[in-house]
Amino acid sequence: MLFDIGPKERRSDLFDRKKELSEMSEAVARGERLIVVYGIRRIGKTSLLRSFLADNEFLSVFLDIRKIYYMHRKAIPAGVVYERLLAGFTELLNNLGVSPEDQIQILSASQSFDITDLLSSIDKWCSKRGARFLFVLDEAQYLRSSRKVVYDGVIAWSIDNLKNITFILSGSEVGVLKDMLNYEDIKAPLYGRLKNEIVLRRLNPEESKGFLERGFKEAGQPIKGEEIRDVIEKIGGMIGWLVYYGYYRTVKRMGHETAVSEVFKEGSKISMSEVEEAVKGSKKRYTAILIAVAKGIATWGDIKAYVVIKTGDITDGVFDKLLSSLIKFSIVEKNERGQYGIVDPVLRNYLAERNEKGKL
C-alpha cells in the first residue's frame, strides 16, 4: 500500500521509479562494480533499494549504516561492518541450503576479521557459481565516522580486484556522501573509478496528484480535488510527507485540515532533529541562515546581511563555509538562478512560523 509509512519491500508497492529501477538492473547486468543512489530525505531511496533487491532475488546483503551509527553512539567501530556482512552472507548461504561444513570452507579465508578477506571469499564463491553479489550500504555517508577502516579505500580495492561484487551506496546527505567518496581528488582512493550514479528527484505536481489518487483508491476512500491541490501546494513532491498525509487520512481517519496540520506538527520534530544533528557547531549562525532562507531571503549577499544583523560580523569565508555545509547535508539547496531555498517544506514552514512567534 502506498500509504504504509514503512519502507516498501516490493516493486508493486512503489510509485513509478521505473527509470531508476531499470538503470540499476542494467548496471548490475553489465557487471558494474559501484552504483551510487543520491536523494534527499523522504524521497524513497530505501524503498527503492529494498524493492529492487526483493523483486530481482539478487544475492545480496543490505546494511543500514545510519542504524549502526546510532547503535554505536554515533560511530562505526572497526569490526562492525565486517560482522554484519559475515552474518548476512552466512544467512544467505543457509537460505541456499549450503551445509555448515561447506560454509566453513567457503569462508575459511575470512577468519582474519579483515573485511577485504571476507569480500575475497565471497567473490571466489560467486565466481564458481557464475553469480554476482550486491553489497548494499544505505545512508553510506555515515561510514565517514568509522574507526580505523577507510571504506572508500576498501571499495576502491574491491572495484580493482573483485569482479563479481557490486557495491550499491545510497545517501540522503548528498554533498556529504560525495565528499566521502571524493571522486575528483587525484590522491583519493576512488579517483578515476567508474561508477553509475542515480539521482532520485521529487515528484512534480502531476505525479504527486497521481500518487495521492492511487493511494486513496487503494484505501477505498474518496478525496476531493481541492484537497489534493491544497496538500500538494503545502507539502510538494516529498513522497515521505505525502505518505504521512495519506496515512493520517485513511488509517487515522482525520479530516483534511487536521491531517495537514499533523504532518507539519510531527514532521517538524523529525526535520529539526536532523538539522540539530548536522549543525552541532555555530548553532546561532546556522539558525540565522535557516531562518533567512525560510523567510524567502534567497541570495548569498542578502542571507549574509541577515546573519550579520542577527549574530554580528562574519567573514565571507566563514559564512560561505556554513552555507555550503547546509547544502552538503541537503538541508538547503541552490537553484539554477543562484537562489537558495529550504529543501524540506515542513522544515521551512516550521522555521518561518517559529520565527514569527519570536521563538527562534
Protein backbone atom coordinates (compact mmCIF):
# COMPACT_ATOMS: atom_id res chain seq x y z
CA MET A 1 0.00 0.00 0.00
CA LEU A 2 1.30 3.45 -0.90
CA PHE A 3 0.24 4.91 2.46
CA ASP A 4 2.17 2.34 4.52
CA ILE A 5 4.59 4.56 6.47
CA GLY A 6 7.39 1.96 6.48
CA PRO A 7 9.87 1.38 3.62
CA LYS A 8 8.36 -0.51 0.71
CA GLU A 9 9.56 -4.07 0.14
CA ARG A 10 8.12 -4.87 -3.30
CA ARG A 11 8.09 -3.21 -6.71
CA SER A 12 4.29 -3.32 -6.76
CA ASP A 13 4.21 -1.05 -3.70
CA LEU A 14 6.39 1.63 -5.28
CA PHE A 15 5.01 4.61 -7.14
CA ASP A 16 6.69 4.77 -10.53
CA ARG A 17 10.57 4.74 -10.29
CA LYS A 18 10.64 2.58 -13.44
CA LYS A 19 13.54 4.58 -14.86
CA GLU A 20 15.67 4.26 -11.74
CA LEU A 21 14.93 0.54 -11.32
CA SER A 22 15.80 -0.04 -14.96
CA GLU A 23 19.09 1.85 -14.60
CA MET A 24 20.06 -0.25 -11.59
CA SER A 25 19.13 -3.53 -13.29
CA GLU A 26 21.12 -2.63 -16.40
CA ALA A 27 24.15 -1.57 -14.34
CA VAL A 28 24.16 -4.86 -12.42
CA ALA A 29 23.67 -6.84 -15.64
CA ARG A 30 26.71 -5.07 -17.12
CA GLY A 31 28.74 -6.14 -14.11
CA GLU A 32 29.36 -2.60 -12.88
CA ARG A 33 31.05 -2.59 -9.51
CA LEU A 34 29.84 0.68 -7.99
CA ILE A 35 26.33 2.17 -8.08
CA VAL A 36 25.54 5.30 -6.06
CA VAL A 37 21.97 6.42 -5.40
CA TYR A 38 21.52 10.05 -4.30
CA GLY A 39 18.33 11.61 -2.99
CA ILE A 40 17.16 13.95 -0.25
CA ARG A 41 15.42 12.62 2.85
CA ARG A 42 11.95 11.15 2.45
CA ILE A 43 12.30 10.74 -1.29
CA GLY A 44 12.14 6.91 -1.24
CA LYS A 45 15.75 5.68 -1.52
CA THR A 46 15.41 2.85 0.99
CA SER A 47 12.12 1.70 -0.56
CA LEU A 48 13.75 1.75 -3.99
CA LEU A 49 16.71 -0.35 -2.84
CA ARG A 50 14.67 -2.91 -0.89
CA SER A 51 12.15 -3.34 -3.69
CA PHE A 52 14.93 -3.69 -6.25
CA LEU A 53 16.63 -6.44 -4.24
CA ALA A 54 13.43 -8.33 -3.42
CA ASP A 55 11.91 -8.34 -6.88
CA ASN A 56 15.11 -9.44 -8.61
CA GLU A 57 16.09 -12.01 -5.97
CA PHE A 58 19.72 -10.92 -6.07
CA LEU A 59 22.34 -12.46 -3.83
CA SER A 60 22.82 -9.52 -1.51
CA VAL A 61 23.40 -8.16 1.97
CA PHE A 62 21.70 -4.90 2.95
CA LEU A 63 23.14 -2.76 5.75
CA ASP A 64 21.55 0.37 7.20
CA ILE A 65 24.68 2.34 8.11
CA ARG A 66 22.72 5.05 9.92
CA LYS A 67 21.28 2.42 12.26
CA ILE A 68 24.77 1.12 13.03
CA TYR A 69 25.96 4.70 13.61
CA TYR A 70 23.32 5.37 16.25
CA MET A 71 23.53 1.93 17.87
CA HIS A 72 27.23 2.50 18.48
CA ARG A 73 26.92 6.00 19.92
CA LYS A 74 27.45 7.90 16.72
CA ALA A 75 30.45 5.95 15.49
CA ILE A 76 31.18 2.99 13.21
CA PRO A 77 33.52 0.63 15.12
CA ALA A 78 36.18 -1.05 13.03
CA GLY A 79 34.72 -4.56 13.04
CA VAL A 80 31.00 -3.91 12.93
CA VAL A 81 30.56 -3.74 9.13
CA TYR A 82 32.64 -6.91 8.80
CA GLU A 83 30.44 -8.66 11.39
CA ARG A 84 27.19 -7.57 9.72
CA LEU A 85 28.46 -8.62 6.29
CA LEU A 86 29.55 -12.00 7.62
CA ALA A 87 26.22 -12.56 9.38
CA GLY A 88 24.25 -11.52 6.30
CA PHE A 89 26.26 -13.68 3.93
CA THR A 90 26.06 -16.67 6.31
CA GLU A 91 22.28 -16.28 6.38
CA LEU A 92 22.27 -16.18 2.59
CA LEU A 93 24.24 -19.45 2.47
CA ASN A 94 21.81 -21.02 4.95
CA ASN A 95 18.86 -19.99 2.80
CA LEU A 96 20.56 -21.57 -0.22
CA GLY A 97 20.96 -24.82 1.69
CA VAL A 98 24.76 -24.72 1.91
CA SER A 99 25.91 -27.09 4.67
CA PRO A 100 27.83 -25.79 7.71
CA GLU A 101 30.90 -27.75 6.57
CA ASP A 102 30.83 -26.13 3.14
CA GLN A 103 30.26 -22.74 4.72
CA ILE A 104 33.43 -23.14 6.78
CA GLN A 105 35.36 -23.98 3.62
CA ILE A 106 33.86 -21.02 1.72
CA LEU A 107 34.66 -18.55 4.50
CA SER A 108 37.95 -20.03 5.69
CA ALA A 109 39.99 -17.16 4.27
CA SER A 110 37.91 -14.58 6.14
CA GLN A 111 38.79 -15.70 9.66
CA SER A 112 41.32 -12.88 9.91
CA PHE A 113 38.46 -10.44 10.60
CA ASP A 114 39.68 -8.41 7.64
CA ILE A 115 36.77 -7.19 5.52
CA THR A 116 38.84 -7.41 2.33
CA ASP A 117 39.49 -11.12 3.03
CA LEU A 118 35.79 -11.68 3.58
CA LEU A 119 34.93 -9.90 0.33
CA SER A 120 37.55 -12.01 -1.45
CA SER A 121 35.92 -15.21 -0.13
CA ILE A 122 32.52 -14.02 -1.33
CA ASP A 123 33.96 -13.12 -4.73
CA LYS A 124 35.55 -16.58 -5.15
CA TRP A 125 32.31 -18.30 -4.21
CA CYS A 126 30.39 -16.17 -6.71
CA SER A 127 32.95 -16.92 -9.41
CA LYS A 128 32.38 -20.66 -9.02
CA ARG A 129 28.60 -20.19 -9.26
CA GLY A 130 28.69 -17.65 -12.07
CA ALA A 131 26.84 -15.28 -9.75
CA ARG A 132 27.05 -11.63 -8.71
CA PHE A 133 26.83 -10.41 -5.11
CA LEU A 134 25.43 -6.99 -4.19
CA PHE A 135 26.69 -5.29 -1.03
CA VAL A 136 24.16 -2.54 -0.31
CA LEU A 137 25.06 0.24 2.13
CA ASP A 138 22.10 2.52 2.84
CA GLU A 139 22.96 6.02 4.16
CA ALA A 140 26.59 5.27 3.39
CA GLN A 141 27.79 8.77 4.28
CA TYR A 142 27.84 7.66 7.93
CA LEU A 143 30.84 5.48 7.09
CA ARG A 144 32.89 8.66 7.43
CA SER A 145 32.57 8.09 11.20
CA SER A 146 34.34 4.74 11.02
CA ARG A 147 37.16 3.92 13.36
CA LYS A 148 40.35 2.82 11.60
CA VAL A 149 38.75 1.41 8.41
CA VAL A 150 38.95 3.66 5.32
CA TYR A 151 35.86 2.45 3.49
CA ASP A 152 36.38 4.39 0.27
CA GLY A 153 39.72 2.59 0.09
CA VAL A 154 38.05 -0.79 0.68
CA ILE A 155 35.55 -0.05 -2.08
CA ALA A 156 38.30 1.08 -4.47
CA TRP A 157 40.33 -2.08 -3.76
CA SER A 158 37.25 -4.22 -4.37
CA ILE A 159 36.48 -2.48 -7.65
CA ASP A 160 40.03 -3.18 -8.81
CA ASN A 161 40.23 -6.81 -7.65
CA LEU A 162 36.79 -8.41 -7.22
CA LYS A 163 34.89 -8.81 -10.46
CA ASN A 164 31.79 -10.50 -9.01
CA ILE A 165 30.84 -7.91 -6.37
CA THR A 166 28.82 -4.74 -6.87
CA PHE A 167 28.65 -2.07 -4.17
CA ILE A 168 25.42 -0.08 -4.05
CA LEU A 169 25.63 3.02 -1.87
CA SER A 170 22.87 5.45 -1.04
CA GLY A 171 22.88 8.78 0.77
CA SER A 172 20.39 11.46 1.73
CA GLU A 173 23.11 13.91 2.77
CA VAL A 174 24.15 14.16 -0.85
CA GLY A 175 27.10 16.52 -0.52
CA VAL A 176 28.47 14.65 2.49
CA LEU A 177 28.41 11.34 0.61
CA LYS A 178 30.10 12.93 -2.40
CA ASP A 179 32.79 14.38 -0.11
CA MET A 180 33.37 10.96 1.45
CA LEU A 181 33.69 9.24 -1.93
CA ASN A 182 35.84 12.14 -3.17
CA TYR A 183 35.91 11.14 -6.84
CA GLU A 184 37.63 14.31 -8.04
CA ASP A 185 40.71 14.21 -5.80
CA ILE A 186 43.59 12.54 -7.64
CA LYS A 187 45.01 11.39 -4.28
CA ALA A 188 41.73 9.81 -3.11
CA PRO A 189 41.20 6.02 -3.38
CA LEU A 190 38.15 6.24 -5.68
CA TYR A 191 39.64 8.74 -8.12
CA GLY A 192 39.14 7.57 -11.69
CA ARG A 193 36.97 4.58 -10.75
CA LEU A 194 33.88 4.00 -12.86
CA LYS A 195 30.55 4.46 -11.09
CA ASN A 196 26.89 4.57 -12.06
CA GLU A 197 25.13 7.49 -10.35
CA ILE A 198 21.34 7.62 -9.95
CA VAL A 199 19.56 10.69 -8.61
CA LEU A 200 16.05 10.43 -7.17
CA ARG A 201 14.00 13.56 -7.71
CA ARG A 202 10.87 14.88 -6.05
CA LEU A 203 7.51 14.24 -7.68
CA ASN A 204 6.19 17.04 -9.86
CA PRO A 205 2.62 18.30 -9.19
CA GLU A 206 1.03 15.93 -11.71
CA GLU A 207 2.93 12.94 -10.29
CA SER A 208 2.02 13.98 -6.73
CA LYS A 209 -1.64 14.10 -7.79
CA GLY A 210 -1.35 10.61 -9.27
CA PHE A 211 0.34 9.34 -6.12
CA LEU A 212 -2.43 10.61 -3.86
CA GLU A 213 -5.21 9.39 -6.15
CA ARG A 214 -3.72 5.90 -6.29
CA GLY A 215 -3.18 5.78 -2.53
CA PHE A 216 -6.74 6.83 -1.73
CA LYS A 217 -8.09 4.38 -4.31
CA GLU A 218 -6.12 1.55 -2.68
CA ALA A 219 -7.60 2.55 0.67
CA GLY A 220 -11.13 2.67 -0.79
CA GLN A 221 -11.58 6.24 0.38
CA PRO A 222 -12.52 9.29 -1.72
CA ILE A 223 -10.57 12.55 -1.76
CA LYS A 224 -11.68 15.89 -3.13
CA GLY A 225 -9.79 17.64 -5.91
CA GLU A 226 -9.34 20.79 -3.86
CA GLU A 227 -7.84 18.75 -1.03
CA ILE A 228 -5.31 17.24 -3.42
CA ARG A 229 -4.38 20.68 -4.74
CA ASP A 230 -4.03 22.08 -1.23
CA VAL A 231 -1.78 19.31 0.10
CA ILE A 232 0.45 19.44 -2.99
CA GLU A 233 0.79 23.21 -2.63
CA LYS A 234 1.75 22.89 1.04
CA ILE A 235 3.82 19.68 1.06
CA GLY A 236 5.06 19.45 -2.52
CA GLY A 237 6.55 16.33 -4.06
CA MET A 238 8.15 14.83 -0.94
CA ILE A 239 6.86 11.25 -1.05
CA GLY A 240 7.53 10.70 2.66
CA TRP A 241 5.26 13.57 3.73
CA LEU A 242 2.58 12.65 1.18
CA VAL A 243 2.56 9.16 2.72
CA TYR A 244 2.13 10.66 6.19
CA TYR A 245 -0.80 12.74 4.96
CA GLY A 246 -2.43 9.71 3.34
CA TYR A 247 -1.83 7.63 6.46
CA TYR A 248 -3.48 10.22 8.70
CA ARG A 249 -6.46 10.46 6.34
CA THR A 250 -7.05 6.77 5.60
CA VAL A 251 -5.81 4.98 8.71
CA LYS A 252 -6.26 7.58 11.44
CA ARG A 253 -9.44 8.85 9.74
CA MET A 254 -8.52 12.51 10.17
CA GLY A 255 -10.06 15.30 8.14
CA HIS A 256 -8.03 17.14 5.54
CA GLU A 257 -7.02 20.18 7.61
CA THR A 258 -6.21 18.07 10.67
CA ALA A 259 -4.09 15.68 8.61
CA VAL A 260 -2.09 18.52 7.02
CA SER A 261 -1.60 20.09 10.45
CA GLU A 262 -0.41 16.76 11.86
CA VAL A 263 2.12 16.32 9.04
CA PHE A 264 3.63 19.70 9.89
CA LYS A 265 3.49 19.03 13.64
CA GLU A 266 5.12 15.59 13.62
CA GLY A 267 7.27 16.22 10.57
CA SER A 268 8.85 19.31 12.08
CA LYS A 269 10.07 17.24 15.04
CA ILE A 270 11.77 14.79 12.70
CA SER A 271 13.22 17.51 10.47
CA MET A 272 14.53 19.61 13.36
CA SER A 273 16.22 16.59 14.96
CA GLU A 274 18.05 16.01 11.66
CA VAL A 275 19.07 19.67 11.48
CA GLU A 276 20.35 19.68 15.06
CA GLU A 277 22.43 16.59 14.32
CA ALA A 278 24.00 18.29 11.32
CA VAL A 279 24.68 21.76 12.78
CA LYS A 280 26.48 20.98 16.01
CA GLY A 281 28.86 23.96 15.87
CA SER A 282 27.96 27.64 15.27
CA LYS A 283 24.33 26.86 16.05
CA LYS A 284 23.33 30.53 16.34
CA ARG A 285 24.69 31.35 12.88
CA TYR A 286 23.27 28.21 11.29
CA THR A 287 19.86 29.05 12.75
CA ALA A 288 20.05 32.59 11.39
CA ILE A 289 20.87 31.25 7.91
CA LEU A 290 17.97 28.82 8.01
CA ILE A 291 15.50 31.46 9.20
CA ALA A 292 16.64 33.86 6.49
CA VAL A 293 16.16 31.26 3.77
CA ALA A 294 12.81 30.12 5.25
CA LYS A 295 11.63 33.76 5.15
CA GLY A 296 12.31 33.84 1.42
CA ILE A 297 15.65 35.67 1.51
CA ALA A 298 17.23 33.91 -1.44
CA THR A 299 20.57 35.42 -2.48
CA TRP A 300 24.02 34.85 -0.97
CA GLY A 301 24.53 38.52 -0.13
CA ASP A 302 21.10 39.09 1.37
CA ILE A 303 21.34 35.95 3.52
CA LYS A 304 24.75 37.04 4.81
CA ALA A 305 23.41 40.53 5.58
CA TYR A 306 20.59 38.99 7.62
CA VAL A 307 23.04 36.78 9.53
CA VAL A 308 25.25 39.78 10.33
CA ILE A 309 22.25 41.69 11.71
CA LYS A 310 21.21 38.76 13.89
CA THR A 311 24.57 37.38 15.04
CA GLY A 312 27.25 40.02 14.40
CA ASP A 313 30.00 40.37 11.83
CA ILE A 314 31.17 37.31 9.91
CA THR A 315 33.77 36.96 7.16
CA ASP A 316 32.73 35.89 3.67
CA GLY A 317 34.79 32.72 4.02
CA VAL A 318 33.20 31.60 7.29
CA PHE A 319 29.69 32.41 6.07
CA ASP A 320 30.23 30.54 2.81
CA LYS A 321 31.52 27.51 4.70
CA LEU A 322 28.39 27.45 6.91
CA LEU A 323 26.03 27.84 3.94
CA SER A 324 27.91 25.17 1.97
CA SER A 325 27.62 22.77 4.92
CA LEU A 326 23.84 23.15 4.94
CA ILE A 327 23.82 22.35 1.22
CA LYS A 328 26.02 19.28 1.73
CA PHE A 329 23.64 17.99 4.38
CA SER A 330 20.73 18.50 1.93
CA ILE A 331 19.03 20.97 4.25
CA VAL A 332 19.40 23.96 1.91
CA GLU A 333 19.51 23.83 -1.88
CA LYS A 334 20.66 26.26 -4.58
CA ASN A 335 18.68 26.53 -7.82
CA GLU A 336 19.89 27.27 -11.33
CA ARG A 337 19.32 31.01 -10.77
CA GLY A 338 21.70 31.00 -7.82
CA GLN A 339 18.90 31.37 -5.27
CA TYR A 340 18.74 29.40 -2.04
CA GLY A 341 15.79 27.58 -0.50
CA ILE A 342 14.96 25.12 2.28
CA VAL A 343 14.75 21.60 0.83
CA ASP A 344 12.01 20.31 3.13
CA PRO A 345 8.70 22.25 3.02
CA VAL A 346 7.80 21.01 6.51
CA LEU A 347 11.04 22.40 7.91
CA ARG A 348 10.57 25.66 6.01
CA ASN A 349 7.08 26.10 7.44
CA TYR A 350 8.26 25.32 10.97
CA LEU A 351 11.15 27.80 10.85
CA ALA A 352 9.01 30.58 9.42
CA GLU A 353 6.26 30.07 12.00
CA ARG A 354 8.63 29.86 14.97
CA ASN A 355 10.43 32.98 13.83
CA GLU A 356 7.16 34.91 13.51
CA LYS A 357 6.26 33.90 17.05
CA GLY A 358 9.69 35.00 18.29
CA LYS A 359 10.64 31.50 19.41
CA LEU A 360 13.78 31.21 17.26
